[in-house]
Structure formats: structure tokens, C-alpha cells
Amino acid sequence: MIPLGLDAVASVVEGKLERTPDAEEITGVQVDSRRVAPGDLFVAVGRGVQFLDDARVRGAAATLVPREPFAAFAALGAAVRNRSSAKVVGITGSTGKTSTKDILAALCAPVARTVAAEASFNNEIGVPLTLCRLEPDTEVCIVELAMRGFGQIAELCAITRPDVGVVTNVGPVHLELVGSIEGVLRAKSELVAALPVGGTAIVPMDFPVEREDIDVIRLGEPEAGPDDGRTIVGGVSFNFTARHQTANAAAALAALDALTLPRPQRADVDFSRWRDEELPLAGGGLLINDAYNANPISMRAALAHLAATAGERRRVAVLGDMAELGPSAPAFHEEIGAEAERQGVASLVAVGELARGYLVGGSGIPITSWAPDAESAMFAVEEAVRPGDCVLVKASRAVGLERVAEALAAVSA
């Protein structure tokens, strides 16, 4: 991290700041005391106040109990960003944010000193933590920008000041919060509005952009082809086969071009956990663990990937609730159930109250069952899955279906 003097920290944050003897600056910011290294500032949020002593033992230069956590993190992130000359890429969208971030990081890292958000560090705490990893020689910073309502992306952009903005797509996500697809579009447009004069917006083909003082790159259907267990997109061979990742790769390549960095011949992407993870199952079976999150767009893509990957294996889908879809939630779940049937799913386990809709829409699926939660689903899955099956596990984050996927994988370990 670009060092910050503790006097400067004290001037921008409100709360109880305690310095260790002789400490004059901080060289990192942590919210988890277990990750504290000598010289770090430990910011205690919620139960974090119980671990102040632990942070000091680990070498924290100072600890902070903030009066308002989000404001404190915003101030710290902005202070580091203001001292950095790195080009910042902000990525948002209804689906594919994290994967696009992961792909762009893999493209940039070999040719530029790069900092990219960990996992899905994309909110009022995660984004500033990413900025607080900037070093004096960092050339590229890749941040993921999430939203739960209007104004959140704008607030994150005020901290990050992105030079390049990527909108992967716009779909029915967070409808409880923004009301409609038009609301989603309005929220995502906050990223484009925040770009500086001369910045670059990378957006879907039909995404409206009224600004004339920025460069606009529109993303069409990417040209992609197989490459011996890999996929070629834009002349680059990537280590994935999922069709829905090609659009994410095309967006990442457009951002790479906007940064004027060269395209490699090959790129091996280390995707974040629980996104298209493939693990072997008993009898030659395969687990596709895509349990991190779900919405109608990503569910359709995941079911298509299940069908393409399964080959001659029997197709099993363990699908949990899709959250924050508002009044249209039952209809969306029925549509996904029908899609599961169209994609040849032979056995469907629905998890959660809304997931009952999968069973209605997929009434023609030969074997179906329902479980109220992830713990109960483990028993249903034991009966549904046979040796040699190809199994997709996917749901919104709150359902916690990664536990089901991990239990399945453990049986075959």
C-alpha cells in the first residue's frame, strides 16, 4: 500500500484511533485481524472490536474503531487513490462482474503491475480495501462495483475515480430495490456518468450513452471457438470452455485495449471460488459448483453450460432461490424450471421457498424434489445423484448451496 501518515489518517476518519508506540504511518488496511501484518491499520467493524488486542499482537501500527464504518473506509480508500497514478478500471453489470474482473486481471498482470479486487470485494468496504492495496508503482487497478440501489455505484465511483468503465450486461437483478429493468439500467449508468472526459465506456450494444466527451466501445456477440479444451476469444486462448464466459472475456479484452496493453496468445484465468468450479464425482461424474450467486440470466447460462458439459452423463440440477426479484420472482423461477427441462435435466432438487417455482415450470422433469434449506438439501441430493452424473449447484448467495457442493465433492475425494 502507498503509505499513509497516521496524522493524515486521523484527519480524514472519525472514531477512536489508537497508535502503537513510535508508529508514524500505515502500510496496509485490514478488516480481519487474522490478516494483519506489521504496519497495518486494523479497522474494527461490528464484532471486530473484540479483536483489537489480536491485531496489536500481530503488529498493527494502529487500530481504528470508526464512528461510521462506510465513511471511514471511503475516506481511507480515497486517500490512497488520490496518491496513485494507476489507471483504474471499474466493472459493473447484472452478471459476470467477478469473472470479467478475474479475466482482465489475468490479461494485465503479465505486462503491468496490477491490483485487482479479491473474490467479490465490491461494496462499501470491499472497494476501499482494494484501493488500499495500491502500491507506489501500481499501473492498473481493477475494481468491481456492486449496487443494492440507486446512488451506490456513484458513491463507489467517487472513491475510485475510474478511467475505464465496463458494464457487462443489464438484466433482471435487484428488482426489489430498483423496481424494473429500466431501474437497473439507470443504476448501472452511474458508472458511465462518473468517467472523466476522455475516459472509455465499454457497454452492451444497446446500452444508451448520451455523453460525447468519452470513448464508447460497444460489445456485440463475441466470436469464439474451441481450442483443445480451451476457448479462443479475440485471438486469445483462454482456459475455460463455458460459453457464457466468452462475453466476459470479450469485455475484458476491450478493457485491455483501452489500457493500451498488448493481447497475449494465451491466458490462464484463476476464477474466484464457486464460479464454474469443476470437480470430479464418483463413477466419472462431474460437479459444476456455481453456487456463489444466481439470477435469471446466470441461471440460464449455467443450465446451458451443464447441458454442453454433461455429454452422455445424466444431468442433475440443484437450484436454490434467486433473491431480490420483486413481485415477478415466482414467474422467473417457473421460467428457469422450464429452462431446466429444455436443457435435459433428468433430476432437479429445488431449495428454498421461491424454488418451488422450478418444480412448477419444470413439471416434465422425470425426478424432482424440494428442500427448505441447504442443510435439508444435502439429504435430497444424496438420493438424487448417482455415480457418473453431471451435477450443477447454483443459487443466490443467501441460500448457501456451496455447502451442498462441498459435501458432494467430499464424498468423491
Protein backbone atom coordinates (compact mmCIF):
# COMPACT_ATOMS: atom_id res chain seq x y z
CA MET A 1 0.00 0.00 0.00
CA ILE A 2 1.07 3.57 -0.60
CA PRO A 3 1.98 4.60 2.97
CA LEU A 4 -0.32 6.98 4.79
CA GLY A 5 0.88 9.00 7.75
CA LEU A 6 -1.17 8.45 10.86
CA ASP A 7 -1.71 12.17 11.16
CA ALA A 8 -3.24 12.09 7.68
CA VAL A 9 -5.40 9.13 8.71
CA ALA A 10 -6.59 10.98 11.79
CA SER A 11 -7.53 13.96 9.65
CA VAL A 12 -9.85 12.01 7.34
CA VAL A 13 -11.55 9.46 9.62
CA GLU A 14 -13.74 9.87 12.67
CA GLY A 15 -13.55 7.41 15.53
CA LYS A 16 -11.19 6.04 18.12
CA LEU A 17 -7.73 5.78 16.54
CA GLU A 18 -5.08 4.20 18.76
CA ARG A 19 -1.46 4.15 17.63
CA THR A 20 1.24 1.79 18.77
CA PRO A 21 4.36 3.43 20.24
CA ASP A 22 6.61 5.04 17.61
CA ALA A 23 4.22 4.26 14.73
CA GLU A 24 4.06 7.15 12.27
CA GLU A 25 2.38 5.63 9.20
CA ILE A 26 0.34 2.68 7.97
CA THR A 27 1.26 0.42 5.07
CA GLY A 28 -1.94 -1.59 4.81
CA VAL A 29 -5.57 -1.69 5.91
CA GLN A 30 -7.35 -4.79 7.21
CA VAL A 31 -10.84 -5.54 8.50
CA ASP A 32 -9.95 -9.11 9.54
CA SER A 33 -7.48 -9.25 12.43
CA ARG A 34 -6.18 -12.61 11.22
CA ARG A 35 -4.80 -10.89 8.12
CA VAL A 36 -3.00 -8.10 9.95
CA ALA A 37 0.70 -7.72 9.16
CA PRO A 38 3.20 -5.35 10.79
CA GLY A 39 2.43 -1.77 9.81
CA ASP A 40 -1.26 -2.31 9.05
CA LEU A 41 -4.23 -0.33 10.27
CA PHE A 42 -6.90 -2.64 11.69
CA VAL A 43 -10.40 -1.21 11.28
CA ALA A 44 -12.79 -2.81 13.77
CA VAL A 45 -16.28 -3.19 12.32
CA GLY A 46 -19.08 -4.87 14.28
CA ARG A 47 -17.64 -7.76 16.28
CA GLY A 48 -14.18 -6.62 15.19
CA VAL A 49 -13.92 -4.64 18.42
CA GLN A 50 -13.35 -7.98 20.16
CA PHE A 51 -10.13 -8.49 18.21
CA LEU A 52 -8.30 -5.21 18.78
CA ASP A 53 -5.70 -6.86 21.01
CA ASP A 54 -5.19 -9.64 18.49
CA ALA A 55 -4.48 -7.06 15.78
CA ARG A 56 -1.93 -5.32 18.00
CA VAL A 57 -0.19 -8.61 18.80
CA ARG A 58 0.11 -9.23 15.07
CA GLY A 59 1.92 -5.94 14.59
CA ALA A 60 -0.78 -3.41 13.71
CA ALA A 61 0.60 0.11 13.59
CA ALA A 62 -2.78 1.38 14.73
CA THR A 63 -6.36 0.32 15.35
CA LEU A 64 -9.49 2.23 14.47
CA VAL A 65 -12.98 1.88 15.83
CA PRO A 66 -14.80 4.11 13.31
CA ARG A 67 -17.79 6.23 14.13
CA GLU A 68 -19.30 5.31 10.76
CA PRO A 69 -17.59 2.34 9.06
CA PHE A 70 -18.57 3.04 5.45
CA ALA A 71 -17.46 6.67 5.69
CA ALA A 72 -14.15 5.64 7.26
CA PHE A 73 -13.38 3.09 4.56
CA ALA A 74 -14.38 5.56 1.85
CA ALA A 75 -12.01 8.16 3.28
CA LEU A 76 -9.13 5.70 3.52
CA GLY A 77 -9.66 4.34 0.02
CA ALA A 78 -9.94 7.81 -1.46
CA ALA A 79 -6.78 8.95 0.33
CA VAL A 80 -4.77 6.13 -1.22
CA ARG A 81 -6.40 6.55 -4.65
CA ASN A 82 -5.55 10.25 -4.64
CA ARG A 83 -1.88 9.36 -4.23
CA SER A 84 -1.83 6.82 -7.07
CA SER A 85 -1.20 7.30 -10.78
CA ALA A 86 -2.65 3.87 -11.65
CA LYS A 87 -5.28 3.54 -14.34
CA VAL A 88 -8.48 2.32 -12.70
CA VAL A 89 -10.98 0.02 -14.42
CA GLY A 90 -14.43 -0.15 -12.84
CA ILE A 91 -16.58 -3.15 -13.71
CA THR A 92 -20.30 -3.49 -13.06
CA GLY A 93 -23.22 -5.37 -14.61
CA SER A 94 -26.07 -7.69 -13.74
CA THR A 95 -23.92 -10.78 -14.22
CA GLY A 96 -20.29 -11.56 -14.96
CA LYS A 97 -18.66 -8.78 -12.91
CA THR A 98 -16.35 -11.00 -10.93
CA SER A 99 -15.44 -13.28 -13.83
CA THR A 100 -14.70 -10.29 -16.07
CA LYS A 101 -12.52 -8.87 -13.30
CA ASP A 102 -10.71 -12.20 -12.97
CA ILE A 103 -10.14 -12.43 -16.73
CA LEU A 104 -8.89 -8.84 -17.01
CA ALA A 105 -6.51 -9.39 -14.09
CA ALA A 106 -5.06 -12.45 -15.84
CA LEU A 107 -4.58 -10.41 -19.01
CA CYS A 108 -2.99 -7.39 -17.30
CA ALA A 109 -0.77 -8.99 -14.68
CA PRO A 110 1.94 -10.32 -17.05
CA VAL A 111 2.53 -6.90 -18.62
CA ALA A 112 1.61 -4.32 -15.95
CA ARG A 113 1.83 -4.04 -12.19
CA THR A 114 -1.77 -4.87 -11.35
CA VAL A 115 -4.03 -4.80 -8.30
CA ALA A 116 -7.43 -6.48 -8.67
CA ALA A 117 -10.29 -6.92 -6.23
CA GLU A 118 -10.20 -10.14 -4.25
CA ALA A 119 -13.13 -12.53 -4.71
CA SER A 120 -16.21 -10.27 -4.78
CA PHE A 121 -14.88 -7.30 -2.83
CA ASN A 122 -17.37 -4.97 -4.49
CA ASN A 123 -19.20 -2.97 -1.82
CA GLU A 124 -18.62 -0.03 0.54
CA ILE A 125 -15.93 -1.97 2.41
CA GLY A 126 -14.54 -4.24 -0.30
CA VAL A 127 -13.85 -1.48 -2.84
CA PRO A 128 -11.84 0.73 -0.43
CA LEU A 129 -9.91 -2.35 0.73
CA THR A 130 -8.90 -2.93 -2.89
CA LEU A 131 -7.75 0.68 -3.23
CA CYS A 132 -5.76 0.29 -0.03
CA ARG A 133 -3.65 -2.36 -1.75
CA LEU A 134 -2.31 0.16 -4.29
CA GLU A 135 1.47 0.45 -4.25
CA PRO A 136 3.53 3.42 -5.48
CA ASP A 137 4.36 1.52 -8.69
CA THR A 138 0.89 0.06 -9.39
CA GLU A 139 -0.07 0.68 -13.00
CA VAL A 140 -3.54 -0.89 -13.22
CA CYS A 141 -6.23 -1.26 -10.58
CA ILE A 142 -9.35 -3.34 -11.33
CA VAL A 143 -12.36 -2.79 -9.09
CA GLU A 144 -15.74 -4.48 -9.11
CA LEU A 145 -18.70 -2.21 -8.37
CA ALA A 146 -21.92 -3.68 -7.00
CA MET A 147 -25.16 -1.96 -6.20
CA ARG A 148 -28.16 -2.57 -3.98
CA GLY A 149 -29.98 0.56 -5.05
CA PHE A 150 -29.66 3.93 -6.74
CA GLY A 151 -26.60 6.00 -5.96
CA GLN A 152 -24.34 3.24 -4.66
CA ILE A 153 -22.27 2.89 -7.83
CA ALA A 154 -21.94 6.68 -8.00
CA GLU A 155 -20.66 6.71 -4.41
CA LEU A 156 -18.11 3.99 -5.17
CA CYS A 157 -17.01 5.85 -8.30
CA ALA A 158 -16.42 8.99 -6.25
CA ILE A 159 -13.83 6.99 -4.31
CA THR A 160 -12.28 5.00 -7.18
CA ARG A 161 -12.38 7.65 -9.95
CA PRO A 162 -12.32 5.04 -12.77
CA ASP A 163 -10.68 5.83 -16.11
CA VAL A 164 -12.37 2.88 -17.87
CA GLY A 165 -15.90 1.71 -17.09
CA VAL A 166 -17.19 -1.73 -18.10
CA VAL A 167 -20.89 -2.65 -17.99
CA THR A 168 -21.09 -6.38 -18.72
CA ASN A 169 -24.87 -6.53 -19.22
CA VAL A 170 -28.21 -5.37 -17.85
CA GLY A 171 -30.83 -7.85 -16.65
CA PRO A 172 -33.46 -8.62 -14.00
CA VAL A 173 -31.35 -8.28 -10.85
CA HIS A 174 -32.09 -6.35 -7.61
CA LEU A 175 -35.61 -5.59 -8.86
CA GLU A 176 -36.84 -5.32 -5.27
CA LEU A 177 -34.54 -2.33 -4.93
CA VAL A 178 -34.70 -0.57 -8.29
CA GLY A 179 -38.14 -1.67 -9.49
CA SER A 180 -37.56 -2.59 -13.13
CA ILE A 181 -35.02 -3.32 -15.85
CA GLU A 182 -35.08 0.40 -16.57
CA GLY A 183 -34.08 0.94 -12.96
CA VAL A 184 -31.18 -1.47 -13.32
CA LEU A 185 -30.07 0.42 -16.44
CA ARG A 186 -30.26 3.73 -14.59
CA ALA A 187 -28.18 2.36 -11.71
CA LYS A 188 -25.51 0.88 -13.97
CA SER A 189 -25.35 4.13 -15.95
CA GLU A 190 -23.89 5.81 -12.86
CA LEU A 191 -20.54 4.26 -13.82
CA VAL A 192 -20.61 5.87 -17.29
CA ALA A 193 -21.62 9.20 -15.79
CA ALA A 194 -18.63 9.10 -13.44
CA LEU A 195 -15.97 8.65 -16.13
CA PRO A 196 -13.62 11.58 -16.76
CA VAL A 197 -13.53 13.47 -20.04
CA GLY A 198 -11.60 11.25 -22.43
CA GLY A 199 -12.41 8.10 -20.45
CA THR A 200 -13.65 4.89 -22.01
CA ALA A 201 -17.05 3.24 -21.55
CA ILE A 202 -17.36 -0.41 -22.58
CA VAL A 203 -21.04 -1.27 -22.74
CA PRO A 204 -23.56 -3.66 -24.34
CA MET A 205 -24.60 -2.90 -27.90
CA ASP A 206 -27.97 -1.36 -26.94
CA PHE A 207 -26.80 0.45 -23.79
CA PRO A 208 -27.69 4.17 -24.07
CA VAL A 209 -24.78 6.60 -23.67
CA GLU A 210 -25.53 10.28 -24.13
CA ARG A 211 -22.05 11.61 -23.41
CA GLU A 212 -19.94 12.76 -26.35
CA ASP A 213 -16.77 13.51 -24.40
CA ILE A 214 -15.79 9.88 -23.77
CA ASP A 215 -14.90 6.93 -26.00
CA VAL A 216 -17.65 4.33 -26.23
CA ILE A 217 -16.93 0.71 -27.14
CA ARG A 218 -19.98 -1.45 -27.73
CA LEU A 219 -19.90 -5.18 -27.13
CA GLY A 220 -21.59 -7.44 -29.66
CA GLU A 221 -21.77 -11.21 -29.78
CA PRO A 222 -18.15 -12.34 -29.42
CA GLU A 223 -16.55 -14.61 -31.97
CA ALA A 224 -15.31 -17.65 -30.11
CA GLY A 225 -14.16 -21.13 -30.93
CA PRO A 226 -12.83 -24.28 -29.26
CA ASP A 227 -9.10 -24.80 -28.76
CA ASP A 228 -8.33 -28.30 -27.47
CA GLY A 229 -10.17 -27.96 -24.16
CA ARG A 230 -9.82 -24.19 -24.14
CA THR A 231 -11.67 -21.34 -25.88
CA ILE A 232 -10.33 -18.72 -28.28
CA VAL A 233 -11.83 -15.25 -27.94
CA GLY A 234 -10.41 -12.26 -29.79
CA GLY A 235 -7.34 -14.22 -30.82
CA VAL A 236 -6.52 -15.22 -27.23
CA SER A 237 -6.72 -18.81 -25.98
CA PHE A 238 -8.39 -18.99 -22.56
CA ASN A 239 -8.53 -21.90 -20.11
CA PHE A 240 -12.32 -22.18 -19.97
CA THR A 241 -15.00 -23.86 -22.05
CA ALA A 242 -18.18 -22.28 -20.66
CA ARG A 243 -19.93 -20.38 -23.43
CA HIS A 244 -21.13 -17.60 -21.11
CA GLN A 245 -17.52 -16.74 -20.24
CA THR A 246 -16.84 -15.67 -23.83
CA ALA A 247 -18.83 -12.46 -23.35
CA ASN A 248 -16.90 -11.74 -20.16
CA ALA A 249 -13.63 -12.37 -21.99
CA ALA A 250 -14.65 -10.02 -24.81
CA ALA A 251 -15.41 -7.27 -22.27
CA ALA A 252 -12.06 -7.85 -20.57
CA LEU A 253 -10.21 -7.72 -23.88
CA ALA A 254 -11.90 -4.43 -24.72
CA ALA A 255 -10.72 -3.04 -21.39
CA LEU A 256 -7.21 -4.34 -22.06
CA ASP A 257 -7.23 -2.50 -25.39
CA ALA A 258 -8.48 0.67 -23.69
CA LEU A 259 -5.49 0.43 -21.35
CA THR A 260 -3.27 0.13 -24.47
CA LEU A 261 -1.82 -3.13 -23.17
CA PRO A 262 -0.93 -5.96 -25.59
CA ARG A 263 -3.10 -9.02 -26.10
CA PRO A 264 -1.33 -12.28 -25.24
CA GLN A 265 -1.66 -15.50 -27.21
CA ARG A 266 -2.81 -17.41 -24.13
CA ALA A 267 -4.32 -16.52 -20.77
CA ASP A 268 -4.96 -18.80 -17.82
CA VAL A 269 -7.60 -17.33 -15.54
CA ASP A 270 -7.82 -18.12 -11.83
CA PHE A 271 -11.57 -17.66 -11.34
CA SER A 272 -12.93 -16.75 -7.93
CA ARG A 273 -14.40 -19.53 -5.78
CA TRP A 274 -17.74 -21.14 -6.53
CA ARG A 275 -17.92 -19.91 -10.11
CA ASP A 276 -17.96 -22.73 -12.65
CA GLU A 277 -15.65 -24.79 -10.45
CA GLU A 278 -15.44 -28.30 -11.88
CA LEU A 279 -14.64 -31.20 -9.58
CA PRO A 280 -14.74 -34.97 -10.20
CA LEU A 281 -17.52 -37.08 -8.74
CA ALA A 282 -17.83 -40.82 -8.25
CA GLY A 283 -18.13 -43.05 -11.29
CA GLY A 284 -16.74 -40.49 -13.72
CA GLY A 285 -19.26 -37.87 -12.71
CA LEU A 286 -18.64 -34.12 -12.64
CA LEU A 287 -19.67 -31.36 -10.25
CA ILE A 288 -20.16 -27.81 -11.54
CA ASN A 289 -20.06 -25.64 -8.43
CA ASP A 290 -21.52 -22.27 -9.42
CA ALA A 291 -23.04 -21.62 -6.02
CA TYR A 292 -21.85 -18.07 -5.40
CA ASN A 293 -24.90 -16.26 -6.76
CA ALA A 294 -27.80 -16.53 -9.18
CA ASN A 295 -30.30 -14.54 -11.21
CA PRO A 296 -32.37 -15.41 -14.31
CA ILE A 297 -29.56 -14.56 -16.75
CA SER A 298 -26.87 -16.52 -14.96
CA MET A 299 -29.22 -19.45 -14.29
CA ARG A 300 -29.95 -19.83 -17.99
CA ALA A 301 -26.25 -19.65 -18.80
CA ALA A 302 -25.39 -22.22 -16.13
CA LEU A 303 -28.03 -24.66 -17.36
CA ALA A 304 -26.75 -24.31 -20.91
CA HIS A 305 -23.24 -24.98 -19.62
CA LEU A 306 -24.50 -28.06 -17.76
CA ALA A 307 -26.01 -29.41 -20.98
CA ALA A 308 -22.88 -28.67 -23.00
CA THR A 309 -20.56 -30.19 -20.42
CA ALA A 310 -22.52 -33.27 -19.43
CA GLY A 311 -22.07 -35.17 -22.68
CA GLU A 312 -23.52 -38.64 -22.12
CA ARG A 313 -23.77 -38.14 -18.36
CA ARG A 314 -27.17 -37.79 -16.69
CA ARG A 315 -27.90 -34.13 -15.91
CA VAL A 316 -28.75 -33.15 -12.34
CA ALA A 317 -29.50 -29.61 -11.19
CA VAL A 318 -29.55 -28.46 -7.57
CA LEU A 319 -31.07 -25.00 -7.79
CA GLY A 320 -31.84 -22.62 -4.94
CA ASP A 321 -33.79 -19.40 -4.68
CA MET A 322 -32.94 -16.39 -6.82
CA ALA A 323 -33.18 -13.39 -4.49
CA GLU A 324 -34.28 -9.76 -4.91
CA LEU A 325 -36.51 -10.27 -7.94
CA GLY A 326 -39.53 -8.47 -6.52
CA PRO A 327 -43.14 -9.30 -7.42
CA SER A 328 -42.07 -11.16 -10.57
CA ALA A 329 -39.99 -13.66 -8.60
CA PRO A 330 -42.45 -16.60 -8.91
CA ALA A 331 -42.67 -16.18 -12.68
CA PHE A 332 -38.89 -16.01 -13.05
CA HIS A 333 -38.49 -19.22 -11.06
CA GLU A 334 -41.07 -21.00 -13.19
CA GLU A 335 -39.24 -19.87 -16.33
CA ILE A 336 -35.97 -21.30 -15.04
CA GLY A 337 -37.70 -24.58 -14.19
CA ALA A 338 -38.93 -24.76 -17.77
CA GLU A 339 -35.40 -23.98 -18.99
CA ALA A 340 -34.01 -26.83 -16.88
CA GLU A 341 -36.46 -29.17 -18.57
CA ARG A 342 -35.49 -27.86 -22.02
CA GLN A 343 -31.82 -28.42 -21.22
CA GLY A 344 -32.46 -32.08 -20.50
CA VAL A 345 -32.20 -32.09 -16.70
CA ALA A 346 -33.18 -35.58 -15.52
CA SER A 347 -33.22 -34.84 -11.79
CA LEU A 348 -33.94 -31.49 -10.14
CA VAL A 349 -33.55 -30.59 -6.47
CA ALA A 350 -35.18 -27.23 -5.65
CA VAL A 351 -34.00 -25.49 -2.49
CA GLY A 352 -35.91 -22.68 -0.80
CA GLU A 353 -39.46 -21.36 -0.81
CA LEU A 354 -39.20 -19.49 -4.11
CA ALA A 355 -37.54 -22.54 -5.67
CA ARG A 356 -40.88 -24.33 -5.61
CA GLY A 357 -41.44 -22.44 -8.85
CA TYR A 358 -38.76 -24.53 -10.54
CA LEU A 359 -40.90 -27.60 -9.93
CA VAL A 360 -43.93 -25.90 -11.47
CA GLY A 361 -42.08 -24.75 -14.58
CA GLY A 362 -40.14 -27.99 -14.89
CA SER A 363 -43.08 -30.31 -14.32
CA GLY A 364 -41.86 -32.61 -17.09
CA ILE A 365 -38.51 -33.33 -15.42
CA PRO A 366 -38.52 -37.05 -14.56
CA ILE A 367 -37.30 -36.79 -10.94
CA THR A 368 -37.85 -33.77 -8.72
CA SER A 369 -37.64 -32.99 -5.02
CA TRP A 370 -37.81 -29.95 -2.76
CA ALA A 371 -35.89 -28.93 0.35
CA PRO A 372 -36.45 -25.85 2.52
CA ASP A 373 -32.75 -25.03 3.03
CA ALA A 374 -29.20 -26.08 2.23
CA GLU A 375 -28.89 -28.42 5.21
CA SER A 376 -32.04 -30.32 4.25
CA ALA A 377 -30.96 -30.32 0.61
CA MET A 378 -27.96 -32.48 1.43
CA PHE A 379 -30.25 -35.44 2.13
CA ALA A 380 -32.29 -34.81 -1.03
CA VAL A 381 -29.12 -34.61 -3.11
CA GLU A 382 -27.85 -37.91 -1.72
CA GLU A 383 -30.94 -39.58 -3.20
CA ALA A 384 -30.94 -37.57 -6.43
CA VAL A 385 -27.32 -38.03 -7.52
CA ARG A 386 -26.00 -41.28 -8.96
CA PRO A 387 -22.43 -42.27 -9.83
CA GLY A 388 -21.47 -40.80 -13.20
CA ASP A 389 -23.88 -37.85 -13.07
CA CYS A 390 -23.04 -34.29 -14.10
CA VAL A 391 -24.35 -32.05 -11.30
CA LEU A 392 -24.89 -28.28 -11.33
CA VAL A 393 -25.23 -26.49 -7.98
CA LYS A 394 -26.40 -22.86 -8.17
CA ALA A 395 -28.37 -20.36 -6.08
CA SER A 396 -28.32 -16.85 -4.71
CA ARG A 397 -25.68 -16.18 -2.07
CA ALA A 398 -28.10 -16.25 0.86
CA VAL A 399 -29.05 -19.89 0.23
CA GLY A 400 -25.51 -21.12 0.90
CA LEU A 401 -25.55 -24.02 -1.53
CA GLU A 402 -21.75 -24.16 -1.55
CA ARG A 403 -22.21 -26.43 1.48
CA VAL A 404 -24.07 -28.91 -0.70
CA ALA A 405 -21.38 -28.73 -3.38
CA GLU A 406 -18.62 -29.19 -0.83
CA ALA A 407 -20.41 -32.21 0.66
CA LEU A 408 -20.76 -33.78 -2.79
CA ALA A 409 -17.09 -33.18 -3.57
CA ALA A 410 -16.01 -34.57 -0.20
CA VAL A 411 -17.74 -37.89 -0.89
CA SER A 412 -15.64 -38.32 -4.04
CA ALA A 413 -12.38 -37.06 -2.52
